[in-house]
Protein backbone atom coordinates (compact mmCIF):
# COMPACT_ATOMS: atom_id res chain seq x y z
CA UNK A 1 0.00 0.00 0.00
CA UNK A 2 1.30 3.46 -0.92
CA UNK A 3 0.13 6.57 0.91
CA UNK A 4 0.34 10.17 -0.25
CA UNK A 5 -0.82 13.55 0.93
CA UNK A 6 -2.30 15.90 -1.63
CA UNK A 7 -2.47 19.59 -0.76
CA UNK A 8 -5.29 21.36 -2.62
CA UNK A 9 -5.68 25.06 -3.41
CA UNK A 10 -9.32 25.95 -4.05
CA UNK A 11 -11.45 28.90 -3.00
CA UNK A 12 -14.56 26.68 -3.18
CA UNK A 13 -16.24 25.98 0.11
CA UNK A 14 -16.66 22.34 1.10
CA UNK A 15 -13.77 21.23 -1.14
CA UNK A 16 -12.74 18.69 1.52
CA UNK A 17 -16.17 17.03 1.29
CA UNK A 18 -15.82 16.80 -2.49
CA UNK A 19 -12.39 15.22 -2.13
CA UNK A 20 -13.80 12.44 0.07
CA UNK A 21 -16.02 11.29 -2.81
CA UNK A 22 -13.01 10.32 -4.92
CA UNK A 23 -12.02 6.66 -4.91
CA UNK A 24 -8.83 5.99 -2.89
CA UNK A 25 -9.17 9.20 -0.84
CA UNK A 26 -8.83 7.80 2.67
CA UNK A 27 -9.52 11.12 4.45
CA UNK A 28 -9.68 14.84 3.74
CA UNK A 29 -10.06 17.97 5.78
CA UNK A 30 -9.98 21.76 5.35
CA UNK A 31 -6.85 23.68 6.35
CA UNK A 32 -5.77 27.26 6.80
CA UNK A 33 -2.74 28.74 5.12
CA UNK A 34 -1.43 28.43 1.58
CA UNK A 35 -3.61 25.40 0.80
CA UNK A 36 -7.33 25.03 1.51
CA UNK A 37 -7.62 21.28 1.98
CA UNK A 38 -5.63 18.09 2.44
CA UNK A 39 -6.49 14.72 0.94
CA UNK A 40 -4.85 11.55 2.22
CA UNK A 41 -4.85 8.84 -0.42
CA UNK A 42 -4.01 5.15 -0.23
CA UNK A 43 -3.39 3.18 -3.40
CA UNK A 44 -1.93 -0.21 -4.23
CA UNK A 45 0.95 1.03 -6.36
CA UNK A 46 2.82 4.23 -7.05
CA UNK A 47 1.39 4.61 -10.57
CA UNK A 48 -2.17 5.04 -9.29
CA UNK A 49 -1.25 8.21 -7.40
CA UNK A 50 -1.20 10.14 -10.67
CA UNK A 51 -4.68 8.83 -11.55
CA UNK A 52 -6.10 10.02 -8.23
CA UNK A 53 -4.40 13.44 -8.40
CA UNK A 54 -5.71 13.90 -11.94
CA UNK A 55 -9.25 13.27 -10.66
CA UNK A 56 -8.71 15.82 -7.90
CA UNK A 57 -7.43 18.41 -10.39
CA UNK A 58 -10.59 17.97 -12.48
CA UNK A 59 -12.85 19.10 -9.61
CA UNK A 60 -14.35 22.48 -10.47
CA UNK A 61 -12.55 25.22 -8.58
CA UNK A 62 -9.30 23.36 -7.89
CA UNK A 63 -6.52 25.78 -8.79
CA UNK A 64 -3.50 23.61 -8.03
CA UNK A 65 -2.29 20.63 -6.06
CA UNK A 66 0.93 19.48 -4.49
CA UNK A 67 1.54 15.81 -3.78
CA UNK A 68 3.85 14.30 -1.18
CA UNK A 69 4.39 10.53 -1.23
CA UNK A 70 5.12 8.73 2.01
CA UNK A 71 8.65 7.31 2.07
CA UNK A 72 9.25 4.18 4.13
PDB file of N, CA and C in Angstrom:
ATOM      1  N   UNK A   1       0.844  -1.172   0.000  1.00  0.00           N
ATOM      2  CA  UNK A   1       0.000   0.000   0.000  1.00  0.00           C
ATOM      3  C   UNK A   1       0.893   1.241   0.000  1.00  0.00           C
ATOM      4  N   UNK A   2       0.551   2.208  -0.826  1.00  0.00           N
ATOM      5  CA  UNK A   2       1.296   3.462  -0.920  1.00  0.00           C
ATOM      6  C   UNK A   2       0.384   4.589  -0.463  1.00  0.00           C
ATOM      7  N   UNK A   3       0.911   5.433   0.428  1.00  0.00           N
ATOM      8  CA  UNK A   3       0.133   6.574   0.909  1.00  0.00           C
ATOM      9  C   UNK A   3       0.754   7.868   0.414  1.00  0.00           C
ATOM     10  N   UNK A   4      -0.120   8.847   0.159  1.00  0.00           N
ATOM     11  CA  UNK A   4       0.342  10.172  -0.247  1.00  0.00           C
ATOM     12  C   UNK A   4      -0.594  11.222   0.335  1.00  0.00           C
ATOM     13  N   UNK A   5      -0.035  12.405   0.487  1.00  0.00           N
ATOM     14  CA  UNK A   5      -0.823  13.553   0.933  1.00  0.00           C
ATOM     15  C   UNK A   5      -0.894  14.522  -0.235  1.00  0.00           C
ATOM     16  N   UNK A   6      -2.103  14.951  -0.548  1.00  0.00           N
ATOM     17  CA  UNK A   6      -2.301  15.897  -1.634  1.00  0.00           C
ATOM     18  C   UNK A   6      -2.823  17.203  -1.029  1.00  0.00           C
ATOM     19  N   UNK A   7      -2.054  18.270  -1.205  1.00  0.00           N
ATOM     20  CA  UNK A   7      -2.468  19.590  -0.758  1.00  0.00           C
ATOM     21  C   UNK A   7      -3.246  20.232  -1.899  1.00  0.00           C
ATOM     22  N   UNK A   8      -4.390  20.843  -1.582  1.00  0.00           N
ATOM     23  CA  UNK A   8      -5.286  21.360  -2.619  1.00  0.00           C
ATOM     24  C   UNK A   8      -5.559  22.841  -2.388  1.00  0.00           C
ATOM     25  N   UNK A   9      -5.360  23.633  -3.423  1.00  0.00           N
ATOM     26  CA  UNK A   9      -5.677  25.061  -3.405  1.00  0.00           C
ATOM     27  C   UNK A   9      -6.995  25.251  -4.145  1.00  0.00           C
ATOM     28  N   UNK A  10      -8.007  25.738  -3.435  1.00  0.00           N
ATOM     29  CA  UNK A  10      -9.320  25.952  -4.046  1.00  0.00           C
ATOM     30  C   UNK A  10     -10.129  26.912  -3.190  1.00  0.00           C
ATOM     31  N   UNK A  11     -10.632  27.979  -3.778  1.00  0.00           N
ATOM     32  CA  UNK A  11     -11.454  28.903  -3.003  1.00  0.00           C
ATOM     33  C   UNK A  11     -12.873  28.374  -2.737  1.00  0.00           C
ATOM     34  N   UNK A  12     -13.215  27.244  -3.347  1.00  0.00           N
ATOM     35  CA  UNK A  12     -14.557  26.681  -3.181  1.00  0.00           C
ATOM     36  C   UNK A  12     -14.757  26.181  -1.754  1.00  0.00           C
ATOM     37  N   UNK A  13     -15.903  26.508  -1.199  1.00  0.00           N
ATOM     38  CA  UNK A  13     -16.242  25.978   0.113  1.00  0.00           C
ATOM     39  C   UNK A  13     -16.568  24.500  -0.018  1.00  0.00           C
ATOM     40  N   UNK A  14     -16.367  23.776   1.024  1.00  0.00           N
ATOM     41  CA  UNK A  14     -16.664  22.343   1.096  1.00  0.00           C
ATOM     42  C   UNK A  14     -15.817  21.501   0.135  1.00  0.00           C
ATOM     43  N   UNK A  15     -14.627  22.010  -0.240  1.00  0.00           N
ATOM     44  CA  UNK A  15     -13.774  21.230  -1.139  1.00  0.00           C
ATOM     45  C   UNK A  15     -13.355  19.914  -0.483  1.00  0.00           C
ATOM     46  N   UNK A  16     -13.147  19.924   0.831  1.00  0.00           N
ATOM     47  CA  UNK A  16     -12.743  18.689   1.524  1.00  0.00           C
ATOM     48  C   UNK A  16     -13.810  17.607   1.387  1.00  0.00           C
ATOM     49  N   UNK A  17     -15.077  17.996   1.447  1.00  0.00           N
ATOM     50  CA  UNK A  17     -16.166  17.027   1.288  1.00  0.00           C
ATOM     51  C   UNK A  17     -16.183  16.462  -0.130  1.00  0.00           C
ATOM     52  N   UNK A  18     -15.875  17.277  -1.101  1.00  0.00           N
ATOM     53  CA  UNK A  18     -15.824  16.800  -2.492  1.00  0.00           C
ATOM     54  C   UNK A  18     -14.660  15.825  -2.687  1.00  0.00           C
ATOM     55  N   UNK A  19     -13.560  16.101  -2.015  1.00  0.00           N
ATOM     56  CA  UNK A  19     -12.395  15.220  -2.132  1.00  0.00           C
ATOM     57  C   UNK A  19     -12.700  13.825  -1.609  1.00  0.00           C
ATOM     58  N   UNK A  20     -13.483  13.735  -0.540  1.00  0.00           N
ATOM     59  CA  UNK A  20     -13.802  12.437   0.068  1.00  0.00           C
ATOM     60  C   UNK A  20     -14.591  11.524  -0.864  1.00  0.00           C
ATOM     61  N   UNK A  21     -15.218  12.086  -1.873  1.00  0.00           N
ATOM     62  CA  UNK A  21     -16.023  11.292  -2.806  1.00  0.00           C
ATOM     63  C   UNK A  21     -15.172  10.579  -3.855  1.00  0.00           C
ATOM     64  N   UNK A  22     -13.893  10.919  -3.924  1.00  0.00           N
ATOM     65  CA  UNK A  22     -13.013  10.316  -4.924  1.00  0.00           C
ATOM     66  C   UNK A  22     -12.498   8.978  -4.398  1.00  0.00           C
ATOM     67  N   UNK A  23     -12.522   7.983  -5.262  1.00  0.00           N
ATOM     68  CA  UNK A  23     -12.015   6.658  -4.905  1.00  0.00           C
ATOM     69  C   UNK A  23     -10.546   6.762  -4.495  1.00  0.00           C
ATOM     70  N   UNK A  24     -10.180   6.060  -3.465  1.00  0.00           N
ATOM     71  CA  UNK A  24      -8.835   5.995  -2.893  1.00  0.00           C
ATOM     72  C   UNK A  24      -8.490   7.173  -1.977  1.00  0.00           C
ATOM     73  N   UNK A  25      -9.401   8.150  -1.831  1.00  0.00           N
ATOM     74  CA  UNK A  25      -9.166   9.201  -0.843  1.00  0.00           C
ATOM     75  C   UNK A  25      -9.591   8.630   0.502  1.00  0.00           C
ATOM     76  N   UNK A  26      -8.611   8.418   1.361  1.00  0.00           N
ATOM     77  CA  UNK A  26      -8.826   7.804   2.669  1.00  0.00           C
ATOM     78  C   UNK A  26      -9.455   8.808   3.638  1.00  0.00           C
ATOM     79  N   UNK A  27      -9.003  10.072   3.571  1.00  0.00           N
ATOM     80  CA  UNK A  27      -9.516  11.118   4.445  1.00  0.00           C
ATOM     81  C   UNK A  27      -9.218  12.458   3.804  1.00  0.00           C
ATOM     82  N   UNK A  28      -9.970  13.472   4.184  1.00  0.00           N
ATOM     83  CA  UNK A  28      -9.684  14.841   3.739  1.00  0.00           C
ATOM     84  C   UNK A  28     -10.242  15.804   4.769  1.00  0.00           C
ATOM     85  N   UNK A  29      -9.619  16.966   4.828  1.00  0.00           N
ATOM     86  CA  UNK A  29     -10.059  17.971   5.785  1.00  0.00           C
ATOM     87  C   UNK A  29      -9.614  19.352   5.319  1.00  0.00           C
ATOM     88  N   UNK A  30     -10.361  20.389   5.711  1.00  0.00           N
ATOM     89  CA  UNK A  30      -9.979  21.757   5.348  1.00  0.00           C
ATOM     90  C   UNK A  30      -8.785  22.212   6.188  1.00  0.00           C
ATOM     91  N   UNK A  31      -8.006  23.133   5.643  1.00  0.00           N
ATOM     92  CA  UNK A  31      -6.854  23.681   6.347  1.00  0.00           C
ATOM     93  C   UNK A  31      -6.803  25.189   6.161  1.00  0.00           C
ATOM     94  N   UNK A  32      -6.024  25.833   6.992  1.00  0.00           N
ATOM     95  CA  UNK A  32      -5.770  27.256   6.803  1.00  0.00           C
ATOM     96  C   UNK A  32      -4.359  27.396   6.254  1.00  0.00           C
ATOM     97  N   UNK A  33      -4.078  28.528   5.657  1.00  0.00           N
ATOM     98  CA  UNK A  33      -2.741  28.744   5.116  1.00  0.00           C
ATOM     99  C   UNK A  33      -2.737  28.753   3.603  1.00  0.00           C
ATOM    100  N   UNK A  34      -1.608  28.378   3.029  1.00  0.00           N
ATOM    101  CA  UNK A  34      -1.429  28.432   1.580  1.00  0.00           C
ATOM    102  C   UNK A  34      -2.377  27.502   0.831  1.00  0.00           C
ATOM    103  N   UNK A  35      -2.698  26.354   1.422  1.00  0.00           N
ATOM    104  CA  UNK A  35      -3.613  25.398   0.796  1.00  0.00           C
ATOM    105  C   UNK A  35      -4.912  25.350   1.583  1.00  0.00           C
ATOM    106  N   UNK A  36      -5.995  24.990   0.905  1.00  0.00           N
ATOM    107  CA  UNK A  36      -7.327  25.031   1.514  1.00  0.00           C
ATOM    108  C   UNK A  36      -7.820  23.683   2.014  1.00  0.00           C
ATOM    109  N   UNK A  37      -7.205  22.605   1.548  1.00  0.00           N
ATOM    110  CA  UNK A  37      -7.623  21.277   1.982  1.00  0.00           C
ATOM    111  C   UNK A  37      -6.480  20.288   1.799  1.00  0.00           C
ATOM    112  N   UNK A  38      -6.575  19.191   2.541  1.00  0.00           N
ATOM    113  CA  UNK A  38      -5.625  18.093   2.442  1.00  0.00           C
ATOM    114  C   UNK A  38      -6.410  16.825   2.151  1.00  0.00           C
ATOM    115  N   UNK A  39      -5.909  16.031   1.221  1.00  0.00           N
ATOM    116  CA  UNK A  39      -6.486  14.716   0.944  1.00  0.00           C
ATOM    117  C   UNK A  39      -5.412  13.677   1.211  1.00  0.00           C
ATOM    118  N   UNK A  40      -5.756  12.658   1.971  1.00  0.00           N
ATOM    119  CA  UNK A  40      -4.845  11.551   2.216  1.00  0.00           C
ATOM    120  C   UNK A  40      -5.327  10.394   1.353  1.00  0.00           C
ATOM    121  N   UNK A  41      -4.449   9.914   0.490  1.00  0.00           N
ATOM    122  CA  UNK A  41      -4.850   8.841  -0.417  1.00  0.00           C
ATOM    123  C   UNK A  41      -4.033   7.583  -0.128  1.00  0.00           C
ATOM    124  N   UNK A  42      -4.663   6.446  -0.353  1.00  0.00           N
ATOM    125  CA  UNK A  42      -4.007   5.145  -0.225  1.00  0.00           C
ATOM    126  C   UNK A  42      -4.308   4.351  -1.477  1.00  0.00           C
ATOM    127  N   UNK A  43      -3.245   3.947  -2.160  1.00  0.00           N
ATOM    128  CA  UNK A  43      -3.388   3.182  -3.398  1.00  0.00           C
ATOM    129  C   UNK A  43      -2.492   1.952  -3.327  1.00  0.00           C
ATOM    130  N   UNK A  44      -2.697   1.030  -4.250  1.00  0.00           N
ATOM    131  CA  UNK A  44      -1.930  -0.213  -4.228  1.00  0.00           C
ATOM    132  C   UNK A  44      -0.541  -0.074  -4.826  1.00  0.00           C
ATOM    133  N   UNK A  45      -0.374   0.839  -5.789  1.00  0.00           N
ATOM    134  CA  UNK A  45       0.952   1.034  -6.361  1.00  0.00           C
ATOM    135  C   UNK A  45       1.165   2.499  -6.708  1.00  0.00           C
ATOM    136  N   UNK A  46       2.421   2.855  -6.838  1.00  0.00           N
ATOM    137  CA  UNK A  46       2.821   4.233  -7.052  1.00  0.00           C
ATOM    138  C   UNK A  46       2.167   4.863  -8.285  1.00  0.00           C
ATOM    139  N   UNK A  47       1.972   4.091  -9.330  1.00  0.00           N
ATOM    140  CA  UNK A  47       1.386   4.606 -10.570  1.00  0.00           C
ATOM    141  C   UNK A  47      -0.029   5.124 -10.423  1.00  0.00           C
ATOM    142  N   UNK A  48      -0.776   4.607  -9.460  1.00  0.00           N
ATOM    143  CA  UNK A  48      -2.171   5.037  -9.288  1.00  0.00           C
ATOM    144  C   UNK A  48      -2.287   6.422  -8.641  1.00  0.00           C
ATOM    145  N   UNK A  49      -1.212   6.880  -8.019  1.00  0.00           N
ATOM    146  CA  UNK A  49      -1.252   8.206  -7.396  1.00  0.00           C
ATOM    147  C   UNK A  49      -1.568   9.269  -8.440  1.00  0.00           C
ATOM    148  N   UNK A  50      -0.944   9.166  -9.597  1.00  0.00           N
ATOM    149  CA  UNK A  50      -1.201  10.137 -10.667  1.00  0.00           C
ATOM    150  C   UNK A  50      -2.663  10.110 -11.100  1.00  0.00           C
ATOM    151  N   UNK A  51      -3.271   8.934 -11.175  1.00  0.00           N
ATOM    152  CA  UNK A  51      -4.684   8.833 -11.553  1.00  0.00           C
ATOM    153  C   UNK A  51      -5.574   9.573 -10.550  1.00  0.00           C
ATOM    154  N   UNK A  52      -5.285   9.384  -9.272  1.00  0.00           N
ATOM    155  CA  UNK A  52      -6.100  10.024  -8.231  1.00  0.00           C
ATOM    156  C   UNK A  52      -5.891  11.542  -8.251  1.00  0.00           C
ATOM    157  N   UNK A  53      -4.640  11.990  -8.371  1.00  0.00           N
ATOM    158  CA  UNK A  53      -4.402  13.435  -8.401  1.00  0.00           C
ATOM    159  C   UNK A  53      -5.017  14.086  -9.633  1.00  0.00           C
ATOM    160  N   UNK A  54      -5.044  13.367 -10.737  1.00  0.00           N
ATOM    161  CA  UNK A  54      -5.705  13.899 -11.939  1.00  0.00           C
ATOM    162  C   UNK A  54      -7.198  14.078 -11.691  1.00  0.00           C
ATOM    163  N   UNK A  55      -7.833  13.133 -11.009  1.00  0.00           N
ATOM    164  CA  UNK A  55      -9.254  13.269 -10.662  1.00  0.00           C
ATOM    165  C   UNK A  55      -9.473  14.474  -9.755  1.00  0.00           C
ATOM    166  N   UNK A  56      -8.584  14.673  -8.800  1.00  0.00           N
ATOM    167  CA  UNK A  56      -8.707  15.823  -7.895  1.00  0.00           C
ATOM    168  C   UNK A  56      -8.580  17.119  -8.683  1.00  0.00           C
ATOM    169  N   UNK A  57      -7.642  17.193  -9.601  1.00  0.00           N
ATOM    170  CA  UNK A  57      -7.426  18.407 -10.387  1.00  0.00           C
ATOM    171  C   UNK A  57      -8.604  18.732 -11.303  1.00  0.00           C
ATOM    172  N   UNK A  58      -9.421  17.746 -11.622  1.00  0.00           N
ATOM    173  CA  UNK A  58     -10.589  17.966 -12.483  1.00  0.00           C
ATOM    174  C   UNK A  58     -11.797  18.508 -11.722  1.00  0.00           C
ATOM    175  N   UNK A  59     -11.739  18.555 -10.398  1.00  0.00           N
ATOM    176  CA  UNK A  59     -12.852  19.102  -9.614  1.00  0.00           C
ATOM    177  C   UNK A  59     -12.943  20.594  -9.892  1.00  0.00           C
ATOM    178  N   UNK A  60     -14.145  21.063 -10.187  1.00  0.00           N
ATOM    179  CA  UNK A  60     -14.350  22.480 -10.473  1.00  0.00           C
ATOM    180  C   UNK A  60     -13.858  23.325  -9.306  1.00  0.00           C
ATOM    181  N   UNK A  61     -13.038  24.310  -9.608  1.00  0.00           N
ATOM    182  CA  UNK A  61     -12.549  25.221  -8.584  1.00  0.00           C
ATOM    183  C   UNK A  61     -11.162  24.890  -8.060  1.00  0.00           C
ATOM    184  N   UNK A  62     -10.648  23.704  -8.349  1.00  0.00           N
ATOM    185  CA  UNK A  62      -9.303  23.362  -7.892  1.00  0.00           C
ATOM    186  C   UNK A  62      -8.299  24.133  -8.747  1.00  0.00           C
ATOM    187  N   UNK A  63      -7.495  24.960  -8.081  1.00  0.00           N
ATOM    188  CA  UNK A  63      -6.523  25.782  -8.791  1.00  0.00           C
ATOM    189  C   UNK A  63      -5.185  25.075  -8.967  1.00  0.00           C
ATOM    190  N   UNK A  64      -4.759  24.361  -7.922  1.00  0.00           N
ATOM    191  CA  UNK A  64      -3.504  23.614  -8.026  1.00  0.00           C
ATOM    192  C   UNK A  64      -3.419  22.601  -6.901  1.00  0.00           C
ATOM    193  N   UNK A  65      -2.517  21.649  -7.088  1.00  0.00           N
ATOM    194  CA  UNK A  65      -2.286  20.635  -6.061  1.00  0.00           C
ATOM    195  C   UNK A  65      -0.784  20.434  -5.888  1.00  0.00           C
ATOM    196  N   UNK A  66      -0.441  19.889  -4.744  1.00  0.00           N
ATOM    197  CA  UNK A  66       0.934  19.480  -4.493  1.00  0.00           C
ATOM    198  C   UNK A  66       0.871  18.135  -3.780  1.00  0.00           C
ATOM    199  N   UNK A  67       1.612  17.171  -4.297  1.00  0.00           N
ATOM    200  CA  UNK A  67       1.539  15.806  -3.784  1.00  0.00           C
ATOM    201  C   UNK A  67       2.843  15.417  -3.095  1.00  0.00           C
ATOM    202  N   UNK A  68       2.705  14.808  -1.928  1.00  0.00           N
ATOM    203  CA  UNK A  68       3.846  14.304  -1.177  1.00  0.00           C
ATOM    204  C   UNK A  68       3.608  12.821  -0.905  1.00  0.00           C
ATOM    205  N   UNK A  69       4.514  11.974  -1.388  1.00  0.00           N
ATOM    206  CA  UNK A  69       4.387  10.526  -1.231  1.00  0.00           C
ATOM    207  C   UNK A  69       5.133  10.101   0.028  1.00  0.00           C
ATOM    208  N   UNK A  70       4.497   9.248   0.805  1.00  0.00           N
ATOM    209  CA  UNK A  70       5.123   8.726   2.010  1.00  0.00           C
ATOM    210  C   UNK A  70       6.325   7.864   1.637  1.00  0.00           C
ATOM    211  N   UNK A  71       7.436   8.077   2.316  1.00  0.00           N
ATOM    212  CA  UNK A  71       8.648   7.314   2.071  1.00  0.00           C
ATOM    213  C   UNK A  71       8.897   6.423   3.281  1.00  0.00           C
ATOM    214  N   UNK A  72       9.005   5.141   3.029  1.00  0.00           N
ATOM    215  CA  UNK A  72       9.249   4.181   4.126  1.00  0.00           C
ATOM    216  C   UNK A  72      10.668   3.694   4.104  1.00  0.00           C
TER     217      UNK A  72
END
